[in-house]
Amino acid sequence: MIQKPTILVTNDDGINAPGIRALIAVMAEIGDVIVVAPDSPQSAMGHAITINNTLYLNKVSAENALVTEYACSGTPVDCVKLAVNEILKKKPDLCVSGVNHGSNSSINVIYSGTMSAAVEAGIEGIPAIGFSLLDYSWNADFETIKPFIKKIALEVLSQKLPEGTVLNVNFPKLKHEDIKGIKICRQAKAIWMEKFDKRQTPYGKDYYWLTGEFVNQDKGEDTDEWALAHGYVSIVPVQFDLTAHHAIQQLNSWDL
């Protein structure tokens, strides 16, 4: 009898988000699924961890009797840490995070709780993938991307990932038949041109609301932004060694 892989599922939109429900459904076709996800939305938390507050884990009723689910009071990274250290008897064969409601392409990977959960799994030596759909709607259609999710997950389980690498996968908002294929890409150079909308409470106290515009500064045709704009699923291999290796030689020439 072939043993099924153990798959950890998490996200940053919360355990009840439609995106994670779709991801759980796909992973349940592949292996034994353990879900540890935030009990409330944790978007844009990046790699935050909880150190000045208590953490709670509550086992919840799962839609699928073969899936075990826990809701966590902490961040996406907390979820992975607790899963590995407190719930699972051994490290899972795969960790998948998402499906995020909205893009995590380009510079968004830095802020993303979805991707930070995948990166944390990667740090633990677990093959990991972050999935995102370019549709912020709570009622986004995830059915169209399920075959792609399954294909990518099975390939990672079969082929493994290069050491120190996790995958950032983004899907265009298109019907299945309109998606042209999958492209391996680099992260596009882009920034958020941020603004703060200054307002006042009825009591006269100032407060600020973050707004802004996403600006793609990259004209390359090998980027995730180009792929998504042209109807492809983008896969960017992401490393968590943040060393700027190309700068070491220059810095060694300084009079330090």
C-alpha atoms as a PDB file:
ATOM      1  CA  MET A   1       0.000   0.000   0.000  1.00  0.00           C
ATOM      2  CA  ILE A   2       1.396   3.392  -1.021  1.00  0.00           C
ATOM      3  CA  GLN A   3       1.448   5.848   1.883  1.00  0.00           C
ATOM      4  CA  LYS A   4      -0.204   9.166   1.187  1.00  0.00           C
ATOM      5  CA  PRO A   5       1.847  12.320   1.693  1.00  0.00           C
ATOM      6  CA  THR A   6       1.048  14.479   4.707  1.00  0.00           C
ATOM      7  CA  ILE A   7       0.109  17.988   3.601  1.00  0.00           C
ATOM      8  CA  LEU A   8      -0.077  21.064   5.848  1.00  0.00           C
ATOM      9  CA  VAL A   9      -2.522  23.726   4.635  1.00  0.00           C
ATOM     10  CA  THR A  10      -2.551  27.310   5.893  1.00  0.00           C
ATOM     11  CA  ASN A  11      -3.321  30.840   4.675  1.00  0.00           C
ATOM     12  CA  ASP A  12      -3.609  34.466   5.754  1.00  0.00           C
ATOM     13  CA  ASP A  13      -7.245  35.222   4.877  1.00  0.00           C
ATOM     14  CA  GLY A  14      -8.534  33.052   7.719  1.00  0.00           C
ATOM     15  CA  ILE A  15      -9.689  29.471   8.075  1.00  0.00           C
ATOM     16  CA  ASN A  16     -13.170  30.201   6.691  1.00  0.00           C
ATOM     17  CA  ALA A  17     -12.015  31.981   3.523  1.00  0.00           C
ATOM     18  CA  PRO A  18     -13.227  30.413   0.252  1.00  0.00           C
ATOM     19  CA  GLY A  19      -9.647  30.315  -1.033  1.00  0.00           C
ATOM     20  CA  ILE A  20      -8.413  27.941   1.652  1.00  0.00           C
ATOM     21  CA  ARG A  21     -11.551  25.823   1.353  1.00  0.00           C
ATOM     22  CA  ALA A  22     -10.722  25.305  -2.343  1.00  0.00           C
ATOM     23  CA  LEU A  23      -7.101  24.477  -1.504  1.00  0.00           C
ATOM     24  CA  ILE A  24      -8.153  21.959   1.141  1.00  0.00           C
ATOM     25  CA  ALA A  25     -10.445  20.235  -1.352  1.00  0.00           C
ATOM     26  CA  VAL A  26      -7.608  19.799  -3.858  1.00  0.00           C
ATOM     27  CA  MET A  27      -5.071  18.627  -1.285  1.00  0.00           C
ATOM     28  CA  ALA A  28      -7.539  16.067   0.097  1.00  0.00           C
ATOM     29  CA  GLU A  29      -7.398  14.383  -3.323  1.00  0.00           C
ATOM     30  CA  ILE A  30      -3.627  14.022  -2.974  1.00  0.00           C
ATOM     31  CA  GLY A  31      -2.812  13.227   0.640  1.00  0.00           C
ATOM     32  CA  ASP A  32      -3.626  13.361   4.347  1.00  0.00           C
ATOM     33  CA  VAL A  33      -4.450  16.953   5.176  1.00  0.00           C
ATOM     34  CA  ILE A  34      -3.814  18.924   8.368  1.00  0.00           C
ATOM     35  CA  VAL A  35      -5.108  22.499   8.398  1.00  0.00           C
ATOM     36  CA  VAL A  36      -3.708  25.115  10.771  1.00  0.00           C
ATOM     37  CA  ALA A  37      -4.909  28.564   9.766  1.00  0.00           C
ATOM     38  CA  PRO A  38      -5.660  31.912  11.423  1.00  0.00           C
ATOM     39  CA  ASP A  39      -9.042  32.278  13.094  1.00  0.00           C
ATOM     40  CA  SER A  40      -9.365  35.760  11.570  1.00  0.00           C
ATOM     41  CA  PRO A  41      -7.893  37.594   8.530  1.00  0.00           C
ATOM     42  CA  GLN A  42      -4.136  38.213   8.772  1.00  0.00           C
ATOM     43  CA  SER A  43      -3.397  39.734   5.377  1.00  0.00           C
ATOM     44  CA  ALA A  44      -0.169  41.720   4.888  1.00  0.00           C
ATOM     45  CA  MET A  45       1.288  40.411   8.148  1.00  0.00           C
ATOM     46  CA  GLY A  46       4.516  39.456   6.421  1.00  0.00           C
ATOM     47  CA  HIS A  47       6.726  37.239   8.582  1.00  0.00           C
ATOM     48  CA  ALA A  48       5.320  38.496  11.883  1.00  0.00           C
ATOM     49  CA  ILE A  49       5.295  36.154  14.869  1.00  0.00           C
ATOM     50  CA  THR A  50       3.524  36.491  18.210  1.00  0.00           C
ATOM     51  CA  ILE A  51       5.895  37.074  21.140  1.00  0.00           C
ATOM     52  CA  ASN A  52       3.998  39.436  23.455  1.00  0.00           C
ATOM     53  CA  ASN A  53       0.658  37.661  23.596  1.00  0.00           C
ATOM     54  CA  THR A  54      -0.788  34.220  24.175  1.00  0.00           C
ATOM     55  CA  LEU A  55      -1.530  31.845  21.309  1.00  0.00           C
ATOM     56  CA  TYR A  56      -4.577  29.626  21.108  1.00  0.00           C
ATOM     57  CA  LEU A  57      -5.316  26.568  18.983  1.00  0.00           C
ATOM     58  CA  ASN A  58      -8.864  25.320  18.636  1.00  0.00           C
ATOM     59  CA  LYS A  59      -9.767  22.124  16.827  1.00  0.00           C
ATOM     60  CA  VAL A  60     -12.732  22.837  14.570  1.00  0.00           C
ATOM     61  CA  SER A  61     -15.240  20.732  12.704  1.00  0.00           C
ATOM     62  CA  ALA A  62     -14.006  19.984   9.202  1.00  0.00           C
ATOM     63  CA  GLU A  63     -16.150  19.770   6.085  1.00  0.00           C
ATOM     64  CA  ASN A  64     -14.274  16.601   5.158  1.00  0.00           C
ATOM     65  CA  ALA A  65     -14.148  13.921   7.857  1.00  0.00           C
ATOM     66  CA  LEU A  66     -10.681  12.896   6.632  1.00  0.00           C
ATOM     67  CA  VAL A  67      -9.261  16.400   7.193  1.00  0.00           C
ATOM     68  CA  THR A  68      -8.123  17.672  10.607  1.00  0.00           C
ATOM     69  CA  GLU A  69      -8.452  21.425  11.145  1.00  0.00           C
ATOM     70  CA  TYR A  70      -7.225  23.859  13.765  1.00  0.00           C
ATOM     71  CA  ALA A  71      -7.959  27.576  14.057  1.00  0.00           C
ATOM     72  CA  CYS A  72      -5.055  29.602  15.460  1.00  0.00           C
ATOM     73  CA  SER A  73      -5.233  33.000  17.139  1.00  0.00           C
ATOM     74  CA  GLY A  74      -1.864  34.012  15.689  1.00  0.00           C
ATOM     75  CA  THR A  75      -0.254  34.957  12.391  1.00  0.00           C
ATOM     76  CA  PRO A  76       0.291  32.692   9.360  1.00  0.00           C
ATOM     77  CA  VAL A  77       3.883  32.074  10.493  1.00  0.00           C
ATOM     78  CA  ASP A  78       2.627  31.192  13.973  1.00  0.00           C
ATOM     79  CA  CYS A  79       0.337  28.632  12.341  1.00  0.00           C
ATOM     80  CA  VAL A  80       3.240  26.871  10.644  1.00  0.00           C
ATOM     81  CA  LYS A  81       5.402  26.940  13.765  1.00  0.00           C
ATOM     82  CA  LEU A  82       2.637  25.481  15.928  1.00  0.00           C
ATOM     83  CA  ALA A  83       1.773  22.851  13.329  1.00  0.00           C
ATOM     84  CA  VAL A  84       5.371  21.645  13.104  1.00  0.00           C
ATOM     85  CA  ASN A  85       6.179  21.813  16.801  1.00  0.00           C
ATOM     86  CA  GLU A  86       2.892  20.945  18.529  1.00  0.00           C
ATOM     87  CA  ILE A  87       0.494  19.134  16.210  1.00  0.00           C
ATOM     88  CA  LEU A  88       2.384  17.016  13.708  1.00  0.00           C
ATOM     89  CA  LYS A  89       4.386  14.006  14.856  1.00  0.00           C
ATOM     90  CA  LYS A  90       6.796  14.534  11.978  1.00  0.00           C
ATOM     91  CA  LYS A  91       7.342  17.241   9.382  1.00  0.00           C
ATOM     92  CA  PRO A  92       4.819  17.172   6.541  1.00  0.00           C
ATOM     93  CA  ASP A  93       5.792  16.226   3.012  1.00  0.00           C
ATOM     94  CA  LEU A  94       4.375  19.491   1.687  1.00  0.00           C
ATOM     95  CA  CYS A  95       3.046  22.818   2.960  1.00  0.00           C
ATOM     96  CA  VAL A  96       0.651  24.827   0.825  1.00  0.00           C
ATOM     97  CA  SER A  97      -0.560  28.315   1.670  1.00  0.00           C
ATOM     98  CA  GLY A  98      -3.551  30.150   0.191  1.00  0.00           C
ATOM     99  CA  VAL A  99      -5.328  30.374  -2.051  1.00  0.00           C
ATOM    100  CA  ASN A 100      -4.927  34.077  -1.369  1.00  0.00           C
ATOM    101  CA  HIS A 101      -7.702  36.445  -2.396  1.00  0.00           C
ATOM    102  CA  GLY A 102      -5.565  38.856  -4.445  1.00  0.00           C
ATOM    103  CA  SER A 103      -2.140  39.079  -6.033  1.00  0.00           C
ATOM    104  CA  ASN A 104       1.135  38.229  -4.344  1.00  0.00           C
ATOM    105  CA  SER A 105       3.251  38.842  -7.426  1.00  0.00           C
ATOM    106  CA  SER A 106       6.282  41.125  -7.603  1.00  0.00           C
ATOM    107  CA  ILE A 107       7.058  43.180  -4.475  1.00  0.00           C
ATOM    108  CA  ASN A 108       3.849  41.984  -2.802  1.00  0.00           C
ATOM    109  CA  VAL A 109       5.735  38.842  -1.787  1.00  0.00           C
ATOM    110  CA  ILE A 110       7.498  40.921   0.891  1.00  0.00           C
ATOM    111  CA  TYR A 111       4.278  41.910   2.637  1.00  0.00           C
ATOM    112  CA  SER A 112       2.328  38.712   2.093  1.00  0.00           C
ATOM    113  CA  GLY A 113       1.240  36.573   5.030  1.00  0.00           C
ATOM    114  CA  THR A 114       0.425  33.834   2.526  1.00  0.00           C
ATOM    115  CA  MET A 115       3.975  33.700   1.238  1.00  0.00           C
ATOM    116  CA  SER A 116       5.548  34.177   4.662  1.00  0.00           C
ATOM    117  CA  ALA A 117       3.803  31.004   5.829  1.00  0.00           C
ATOM    118  CA  ALA A 118       5.299  29.161   2.853  1.00  0.00           C
ATOM    119  CA  VAL A 119       8.727  30.685   3.545  1.00  0.00           C
ATOM    120  CA  GLU A 120       8.532  29.596   7.197  1.00  0.00           C
ATOM    121  CA  ALA A 121       7.824  26.042   6.058  1.00  0.00           C
ATOM    122  CA  GLY A 122      10.785  26.288   3.710  1.00  0.00           C
ATOM    123  CA  ILE A 123      13.016  27.395   6.584  1.00  0.00           C
ATOM    124  CA  GLU A 124      11.883  24.232   8.381  1.00  0.00           C
ATOM    125  CA  GLY A 125      13.037  22.182   5.384  1.00  0.00           C
ATOM    126  CA  ILE A 126       9.499  21.487   4.143  1.00  0.00           C
ATOM    127  CA  PRO A 127       8.719  21.823   0.401  1.00  0.00           C
ATOM    128  CA  ALA A 128       6.280  24.742   0.240  1.00  0.00           C
ATOM    129  CA  ILE A 129       4.076  26.633  -2.207  1.00  0.00           C
ATOM    130  CA  GLY A 130       2.112  29.848  -1.857  1.00  0.00           C
ATOM    131  CA  PHE A 131      -0.925  30.151  -4.145  1.00  0.00           C
ATOM    132  CA  SER A 132      -2.697  33.418  -4.999  1.00  0.00           C
ATOM    133  CA  LEU A 133      -5.512  34.403  -7.364  1.00  0.00           C
ATOM    134  CA  LEU A 134      -5.720  37.886  -8.859  1.00  0.00           C
ATOM    135  CA  ASP A 135      -9.249  38.409  -7.564  1.00  0.00           C
ATOM    136  CA  TYR A 136      -9.849  40.169  -4.240  1.00  0.00           C
ATOM    137  CA  SER A 137     -13.526  39.240  -4.158  1.00  0.00           C
ATOM    138  CA  TRP A 138     -14.661  36.982  -1.313  1.00  0.00           C
ATOM    139  CA  ASN A 139     -16.778  35.215  -3.942  1.00  0.00           C
ATOM    140  CA  ALA A 140     -13.890  34.657  -6.372  1.00  0.00           C
ATOM    141  CA  ASP A 141     -14.125  31.581  -8.611  1.00  0.00           C
ATOM    142  CA  PHE A 142     -11.475  29.104  -7.478  1.00  0.00           C
ATOM    143  CA  GLU A 143     -12.856  26.140  -9.422  1.00  0.00           C
ATOM    144  CA  THR A 144     -11.110  27.185 -12.610  1.00  0.00           C
ATOM    145  CA  ILE A 145      -7.617  26.997 -11.032  1.00  0.00           C
ATOM    146  CA  LYS A 146      -7.988  23.729  -9.104  1.00  0.00           C
ATOM    147  CA  PRO A 147      -6.465  21.569 -11.897  1.00  0.00           C
ATOM    148  CA  PHE A 148      -3.390  23.826 -11.981  1.00  0.00           C
ATOM    149  CA  ILE A 149      -3.024  23.689  -8.184  1.00  0.00           C
ATOM    150  CA  LYS A 150      -3.133  19.903  -8.249  1.00  0.00           C
ATOM    151  CA  LYS A 151      -0.648  19.665 -11.117  1.00  0.00           C
ATOM    152  CA  ILE A 152       1.879  21.973  -9.430  1.00  0.00           C
ATOM    153  CA  ALA A 153       1.544  20.294  -6.027  1.00  0.00           C
ATOM    154  CA  LEU A 154       2.013  16.812  -7.500  1.00  0.00           C
ATOM    155  CA  GLU A 155       5.071  17.986  -9.415  1.00  0.00           C
ATOM    156  CA  VAL A 156       6.646  19.405  -6.258  1.00  0.00           C
ATOM    157  CA  LEU A 157       5.969  16.167  -4.379  1.00  0.00           C
ATOM    158  CA  SER A 158       7.498  14.182  -7.217  1.00  0.00           C
ATOM    159  CA  GLN A 159      10.461  16.349  -8.187  1.00  0.00           C
ATOM    160  CA  LYS A 160      11.195  18.074  -4.845  1.00  0.00           C
ATOM    161  CA  LEU A 161      12.435  21.662  -4.711  1.00  0.00           C
ATOM    162  CA  PRO A 162      15.951  23.074  -4.792  1.00  0.00           C
ATOM    163  CA  GLU A 163      17.299  23.611  -1.281  1.00  0.00           C
ATOM    164  CA  GLY A 164      16.360  26.948   0.253  1.00  0.00           C
ATOM    165  CA  THR A 165      13.582  27.574  -2.268  1.00  0.00           C
ATOM    166  CA  VAL A 166       9.804  27.868  -2.107  1.00  0.00           C
ATOM    167  CA  LEU A 167       7.360  28.628  -4.921  1.00  0.00           C
ATOM    168  CA  ASN A 168       5.254  31.767  -5.338  1.00  0.00           C
ATOM    169  CA  VAL A 169       2.382  30.854  -7.668  1.00  0.00           C
ATOM    170  CA  ASN A 170      -0.061  33.462  -8.979  1.00  0.00           C
ATOM    171  CA  PHE A 171      -3.118  32.846 -11.157  1.00  0.00           C
ATOM    172  CA  PRO A 172      -4.680  35.351 -13.558  1.00  0.00           C
ATOM    173  CA  LYS A 173      -8.395  36.021 -13.182  1.00  0.00           C
ATOM    174  CA  LEU A 174      -9.466  33.978 -16.206  1.00  0.00           C
ATOM    175  CA  LYS A 175     -11.581  30.963 -17.049  1.00  0.00           C
ATOM    176  CA  HIS A 176      -9.674  27.685 -17.196  1.00  0.00           C
ATOM    177  CA  GLU A 177      -9.865  27.475 -20.970  1.00  0.00           C
ATOM    178  CA  ASP A 178      -8.479  31.016 -21.331  1.00  0.00           C
ATOM    179  CA  ILE A 179      -5.339  30.372 -19.275  1.00  0.00           C
ATOM    180  CA  LYS A 180      -2.510  29.882 -21.774  1.00  0.00           C
ATOM    181  CA  GLY A 181      -0.246  27.798 -19.551  1.00  0.00           C
ATOM    182  CA  ILE A 182       2.371  28.074 -16.820  1.00  0.00           C
ATOM    183  CA  LYS A 183       5.542  30.169 -16.946  1.00  0.00           C
ATOM    184  CA  ILE A 184       8.562  30.075 -14.650  1.00  0.00           C
ATOM    185  CA  CYS A 185       9.371  33.729 -14.002  1.00  0.00           C
ATOM    186  CA  ARG A 186      11.456  36.173 -12.065  1.00  0.00           C
ATOM    187  CA  GLN A 187       9.933  38.694  -9.688  1.00  0.00           C
ATOM    188  CA  ALA A 188       9.101  41.925 -11.490  1.00  0.00           C
ATOM    189  CA  LYS A 189      10.635  45.157 -10.245  1.00  0.00           C
ATOM    190  CA  ALA A 190       7.674  47.160  -9.011  1.00  0.00           C
ATOM    191  CA  ILE A 191       6.753  49.434  -6.130  1.00  0.00           C
ATOM    192  CA  TRP A 192       3.729  50.788  -4.318  1.00  0.00           C
ATOM    193  CA  MET A 193       3.381  54.570  -4.699  1.00  0.00           C
ATOM    194  CA  GLU A 194       1.805  55.016  -1.291  1.00  0.00           C
ATOM    195  CA  LYS A 195      -0.364  57.808   0.000  1.00  0.00           C
ATOM    196  CA  PHE A 196      -2.012  58.366   3.348  1.00  0.00           C
ATOM    197  CA  ASP A 197      -5.525  59.765   3.395  1.00  0.00           C
ATOM    198  CA  LYS A 198      -5.652  61.975   6.486  1.00  0.00           C
ATOM    199  CA  ARG A 199      -9.059  62.150   8.134  1.00  0.00           C
ATOM    200  CA  GLN A 200     -10.607  63.154  11.463  1.00  0.00           C
ATOM    201  CA  THR A 201     -12.835  61.347  13.900  1.00  0.00           C
ATOM    202  CA  PRO A 202     -16.055  63.058  15.053  1.00  0.00           C
ATOM    203  CA  TYR A 203     -14.023  64.045  18.130  1.00  0.00           C
ATOM    204  CA  GLY A 204     -11.387  65.858  16.076  1.00  0.00           C
ATOM    205  CA  LYS A 205      -8.600  63.280  16.365  1.00  0.00           C
ATOM    206  CA  ASP A 206      -6.510  62.767  13.231  1.00  0.00           C
ATOM    207  CA  TYR A 207      -6.185  59.312  11.704  1.00  0.00           C
ATOM    208  CA  TYR A 208      -4.735  57.932   8.483  1.00  0.00           C
ATOM    209  CA  TRP A 209      -5.946  55.474   5.852  1.00  0.00           C
ATOM    210  CA  LEU A 210      -3.318  53.846   3.630  1.00  0.00           C
ATOM    211  CA  THR A 211      -3.969  54.134  -0.101  1.00  0.00           C
ATOM    212  CA  GLY A 212      -1.706  53.944  -3.113  1.00  0.00           C
ATOM    213  CA  GLU A 213      -1.030  52.733  -6.609  1.00  0.00           C
ATOM    214  CA  PHE A 214       0.931  49.682  -7.743  1.00  0.00           C
ATOM    215  CA  VAL A 215       3.534  50.704 -10.351  1.00  0.00           C
ATOM    216  CA  ASN A 216       5.289  48.063 -12.458  1.00  0.00           C
ATOM    217  CA  GLN A 217       8.688  49.499 -13.427  1.00  0.00           C
ATOM    218  CA  ASP A 218       9.790  46.352 -15.244  1.00  0.00           C
ATOM    219  CA  LYS A 219       9.444  46.014 -19.022  1.00  0.00           C
ATOM    220  CA  GLY A 220      10.886  42.499 -19.154  1.00  0.00           C
ATOM    221  CA  GLU A 221       8.900  39.651 -20.681  1.00  0.00           C
ATOM    222  CA  ASP A 222      10.255  37.084 -18.230  1.00  0.00           C
ATOM    223  CA  THR A 223       8.523  38.486 -15.127  1.00  0.00           C
ATOM    224  CA  ASP A 224       5.534  37.374 -13.126  1.00  0.00           C
ATOM    225  CA  GLU A 225       3.691  40.608 -13.951  1.00  0.00           C
ATOM    226  CA  TRP A 226       4.176  40.069 -17.690  1.00  0.00           C
ATOM    227  CA  ALA A 227       3.025  36.454 -17.478  1.00  0.00           C
ATOM    228  CA  LEU A 228      -0.118  37.316 -15.543  1.00  0.00           C
ATOM    229  CA  ALA A 229      -0.983  40.202 -17.852  1.00  0.00           C
ATOM    230  CA  HIS A 230      -0.700  37.853 -20.831  1.00  0.00           C
ATOM    231  CA  GLY A 231      -2.839  35.060 -19.479  1.00  0.00           C
ATOM    232  CA  TYR A 232      -0.279  32.733 -17.899  1.00  0.00           C
ATOM    233  CA  VAL A 233       0.076  31.264 -14.432  1.00  0.00           C
ATOM    234  CA  SER A 234       3.317  32.608 -12.963  1.00  0.00           C
ATOM    235  CA  ILE A 235       5.696  30.602 -10.797  1.00  0.00           C
ATOM    236  CA  VAL A 236       8.563  32.453  -9.128  1.00  0.00           C
ATOM    237  CA  PRO A 237      11.112  30.428  -7.149  1.00  0.00           C
ATOM    238  CA  VAL A 238      11.697  32.418  -3.952  1.00  0.00           C
ATOM    239  CA  GLN A 239      14.730  32.112  -1.686  1.00  0.00           C
ATOM    240  CA  PHE A 240      14.837  33.117   1.954  1.00  0.00           C
ATOM    241  CA  ASP A 241      18.583  33.759   2.053  1.00  0.00           C
ATOM    242  CA  LEU A 242      18.413  37.557   1.821  1.00  0.00           C
ATOM    243  CA  THR A 243      22.165  38.009   1.353  1.00  0.00           C
ATOM    244  CA  ALA A 244      22.961  40.340  -1.551  1.00  0.00           C
ATOM    245  CA  HIS A 245      25.789  38.096  -2.777  1.00  0.00           C
ATOM    246  CA  HIS A 246      26.594  40.409  -5.702  1.00  0.00           C
ATOM    247  CA  ALA A 247      27.442  43.225  -3.267  1.00  0.00           C
ATOM    248  CA  ILE A 248      29.983  41.346  -1.136  1.00  0.00           C
ATOM    249  CA  GLN A 249      32.970  42.028  -3.396  1.00  0.00           C
ATOM    250  CA  GLN A 250      32.237  45.762  -3.537  1.00  0.00           C
ATOM    251  CA  LEU A 251      31.803  46.007   0.228  1.00  0.00           C
ATOM    252  CA  ASN A 252      35.085  44.178   0.780  1.00  0.00           C
ATOM    253  CA  SER A 253      36.804  46.997  -1.133  1.00  0.00           C
ATOM    254  CA  TRP A 254      35.682  49.574   1.437  1.00  0.00           C
ATOM    255  CA  ASP A 255      38.089  50.887   4.063  1.00  0.00           C
ATOM    256  CA  LEU A 256      36.511  49.074   6.979  1.00  0.00           C
END
